[in-house]
Amino acid sequence: MELALGLVETKGLVGAIEAADAMTKTANVKLLGKEIVKGALVTVKIIGEVAAVKASVDAGAAAAQRVGQLVSIHVIPRPDDQIDFVVDESEKKSTPVKEKQKRSSLKKESIDELFGTEEKSSIEVTETFEDENLSKMTVEELRRLARKTPGFPILGREISRANKSLLLDYFKNLK
């Protein structure tokens, strides 16, 4: 079986996604990945049999041109083994999903330890709010307390947008 490498380059991600969808639906080809370059250029790479890749690249080019801006297409029939490092670059970088999840949880834990972004236990919801304690709190702490307080007059993004004096006024009115 003779393999071929197919490349479709578009300007913008929408055209690239549309091209990749059309290419994979047209023939039996394997999507190797995409490369995003500055200037919004996105190259989609596929591999498969020569005839299948040619048909897929033509279909992908037509789909990309309908939706976005097609820059170029190219099919390399029977590529030399020496260009494997260029093509397989994306496969070497990918790691299994479980390993990525472990890494992200470890990163989050270490970030929480370093910066202390975990929920602060010193801030607790109480029925009465003392003016002295509230005025000593930062805006961030007041916002956390407001989110934890049941029946707080404002919710969601309004809390995020509220400044310290506005939050203090709302807490005074809760008494």
Protein backbone atom coordinates (compact mmCIF):
# COMPACT_ATOMS: atom_id res chain seq x y z
CA MET A 1 0.00 0.00 0.00
CA GLU A 2 1.47 3.34 -1.08
CA LEU A 3 0.79 6.16 1.37
CA ALA A 4 0.45 9.84 0.60
CA LEU A 5 0.54 12.98 2.72
CA GLY A 6 -2.16 15.58 2.14
CA LEU A 7 -1.99 19.19 3.31
CA VAL A 8 -4.71 21.83 3.26
CA GLU A 9 -3.83 25.33 4.47
CA THR A 10 -6.54 27.85 5.30
CA LYS A 11 -6.74 31.27 6.80
CA GLY A 12 -8.80 30.89 9.95
CA LEU A 13 -9.80 27.97 12.11
CA VAL A 14 -13.35 27.59 10.82
CA GLY A 15 -12.20 26.81 7.29
CA ALA A 16 -9.65 24.33 8.63
CA ILE A 17 -12.24 22.52 10.71
CA GLU A 18 -14.61 22.38 7.76
CA ALA A 19 -11.81 21.04 5.53
CA ALA A 20 -10.82 18.39 8.09
CA ASP A 21 -14.43 17.28 8.42
CA ALA A 22 -14.89 16.99 4.65
CA MET A 23 -11.57 15.18 4.20
CA THR A 24 -12.26 12.54 6.83
CA LYS A 25 -15.78 11.94 5.54
CA THR A 26 -14.77 11.68 1.88
CA ALA A 27 -12.33 8.77 1.97
CA ASN A 28 -10.49 6.40 4.29
CA VAL A 29 -7.73 8.73 5.52
CA LYS A 30 -6.19 9.38 8.90
CA LEU A 31 -6.15 12.91 10.27
CA LEU A 32 -2.65 13.56 11.62
CA GLY A 33 -3.43 16.92 13.14
CA LYS A 34 -3.32 20.63 12.60
CA GLU A 35 -0.72 23.33 12.93
CA ILE A 36 -1.62 26.91 13.73
CA VAL A 37 0.82 29.58 12.65
CA LYS A 38 0.80 33.33 13.22
CA GLY A 39 -1.37 35.22 10.80
CA ALA A 40 -4.26 32.80 11.37
CA LEU A 41 -2.82 30.19 8.99
CA VAL A 42 -3.94 26.67 9.86
CA THR A 43 -2.56 23.59 8.11
CA VAL A 44 -4.49 20.32 8.33
CA LYS A 45 -2.47 17.13 7.68
CA ILE A 46 -3.87 13.78 6.57
CA ILE A 47 -2.33 10.48 5.48
CA GLY A 48 -3.70 7.53 3.56
CA GLU A 49 -3.63 5.83 0.18
CA VAL A 50 -2.67 8.07 -2.73
CA ALA A 51 -6.08 8.11 -4.46
CA ALA A 52 -7.96 8.55 -1.17
CA VAL A 53 -5.74 11.45 -0.10
CA LYS A 54 -6.12 13.20 -3.47
CA ALA A 55 -9.91 12.89 -3.31
CA SER A 56 -9.98 14.01 0.33
CA VAL A 57 -7.76 17.04 -0.26
CA ASP A 58 -9.94 18.16 -3.19
CA ALA A 59 -13.09 17.78 -1.06
CA GLY A 60 -11.45 19.59 1.86
CA ALA A 61 -10.31 22.43 -0.39
CA ALA A 62 -13.82 22.88 -1.77
CA ALA A 63 -15.34 22.87 1.73
CA ALA A 64 -12.76 25.32 3.08
CA GLN A 65 -13.28 27.68 0.17
CA ARG A 66 -17.04 27.73 0.76
CA VAL A 67 -16.64 28.65 4.43
CA GLY A 68 -13.34 30.44 4.83
CA GLN A 69 -10.31 31.44 2.86
CA LEU A 70 -8.31 28.63 1.26
CA VAL A 71 -4.58 29.41 1.03
CA SER A 72 -3.13 26.27 -0.57
CA ILE A 73 -3.38 22.50 -0.97
CA HIS A 74 -0.73 19.91 -1.64
CA VAL A 75 -0.49 16.14 -1.94
CA ILE A 76 2.83 14.34 -1.57
CA PRO A 77 2.47 10.83 -2.98
CA ARG A 78 4.79 8.23 -1.46
CA PRO A 79 6.71 10.62 0.84
CA ASP A 80 10.27 9.64 1.72
CA ASP A 81 10.89 8.09 5.14
CA GLN A 82 13.16 11.00 6.06
CA ILE A 83 10.23 13.41 6.44
CA ASP A 84 8.63 11.31 9.18
CA PHE A 85 9.97 13.64 11.85
CA VAL A 86 8.00 16.53 10.32
CA VAL A 87 4.77 14.59 9.94
CA ASP A 88 4.89 12.67 13.23
CA GLU A 89 5.76 15.73 15.32
CA SER A 90 2.20 16.07 16.58
CA GLU A 91 1.94 12.37 17.48
CA LYS A 92 5.13 12.48 19.56
CA LYS A 93 3.91 15.48 21.54
CA SER A 94 0.57 13.93 22.44
CA THR A 95 0.28 12.08 25.73
CA PRO A 96 -2.47 9.79 26.95
CA VAL A 97 -5.52 11.49 28.44
CA LYS A 98 -5.11 9.87 31.86
CA GLU A 99 -1.55 11.14 32.10
CA LYS A 100 -2.68 14.66 31.15
CA GLN A 101 -5.37 14.58 33.85
CA LYS A 102 -2.84 13.49 36.46
CA ARG A 103 -0.48 16.27 35.43
CA SER A 104 -3.19 18.92 35.53
CA SER A 105 -4.34 17.84 38.99
CA LEU A 106 -0.75 17.89 40.24
CA LYS A 107 -0.24 21.34 38.73
CA LYS A 108 -3.41 22.64 40.39
CA GLU A 109 -2.36 21.25 43.75
CA SER A 110 1.12 22.75 43.51
CA ILE A 111 -0.28 26.11 42.39
CA ASP A 112 -2.70 26.08 45.30
CA GLU A 113 0.16 25.37 47.69
CA LEU A 114 2.40 28.07 46.23
CA PHE A 115 -0.11 30.86 45.97
CA GLY A 116 -2.60 29.83 48.61
CA THR A 117 -5.58 29.94 46.26
CA GLU A 118 -7.42 27.28 48.19
CA GLU A 119 -10.53 28.38 50.03
CA LYS A 120 -9.43 30.29 53.10
CA SER A 121 -10.86 28.82 56.25
CA SER A 122 -10.51 32.14 58.06
CA ILE A 123 -13.46 33.46 56.07
CA GLU A 124 -16.60 31.90 57.44
CA VAL A 125 -20.21 32.75 56.96
CA THR A 126 -21.70 34.10 60.15
CA GLU A 127 -25.08 35.51 60.93
CA THR A 128 -23.75 38.85 62.06
CA PHE A 129 -21.06 40.84 60.32
CA GLU A 130 -18.87 43.16 62.31
CA ASP A 131 -18.02 46.43 60.56
CA GLU A 132 -14.45 46.38 61.82
CA ASN A 133 -13.71 42.90 60.49
CA LEU A 134 -15.39 43.55 57.15
CA SER A 135 -13.54 46.80 56.54
CA LYS A 136 -10.21 45.05 57.16
CA MET A 137 -10.95 42.43 54.49
CA THR A 138 -9.75 42.77 50.92
CA VAL A 139 -12.20 43.06 48.04
CA GLU A 140 -11.39 39.48 47.04
CA GLU A 141 -12.21 38.18 50.52
CA LEU A 142 -15.43 40.21 50.60
CA ARG A 143 -16.47 38.75 47.26
CA ARG A 144 -15.82 35.19 48.49
CA LEU A 145 -17.83 35.88 51.62
CA ALA A 146 -20.66 37.38 49.55
CA ARG A 147 -20.81 34.25 47.38
CA LYS A 148 -21.01 32.04 50.47
CA THR A 149 -23.62 34.16 52.23
CA PRO A 150 -27.15 32.88 51.71
CA GLY A 151 -29.60 35.60 50.71
CA PHE A 152 -26.91 38.06 49.59
CA PRO A 153 -28.67 40.74 47.48
CA ILE A 154 -26.46 40.40 44.39
CA LEU A 155 -25.23 37.26 42.63
CA GLY A 156 -22.72 36.05 40.06
CA ARG A 157 -20.98 38.62 37.93
CA GLU A 158 -22.52 41.47 39.88
CA ILE A 159 -20.43 40.35 42.87
CA SER A 160 -17.34 40.22 40.65
CA ARG A 161 -17.97 43.77 39.45
CA ALA A 162 -18.79 45.23 42.86
CA ASN A 163 -16.15 47.34 44.56
CA LYS A 164 -15.30 47.24 48.27
CA SER A 165 -17.58 50.08 49.36
CA LEU A 166 -20.58 48.61 47.55
CA LEU A 167 -19.98 45.18 49.10
CA LEU A 168 -19.62 46.75 52.57
CA ASP A 169 -22.94 48.57 52.06
CA TYR A 170 -24.68 45.31 51.14
CA PHE A 171 -23.24 43.57 54.21
CA LYS A 172 -24.42 46.46 56.46
CA ASN A 173 -27.93 46.14 55.01
CA LEU A 174 -27.97 42.39 55.73
CA LYS A 175 -27.79 42.93 59.52
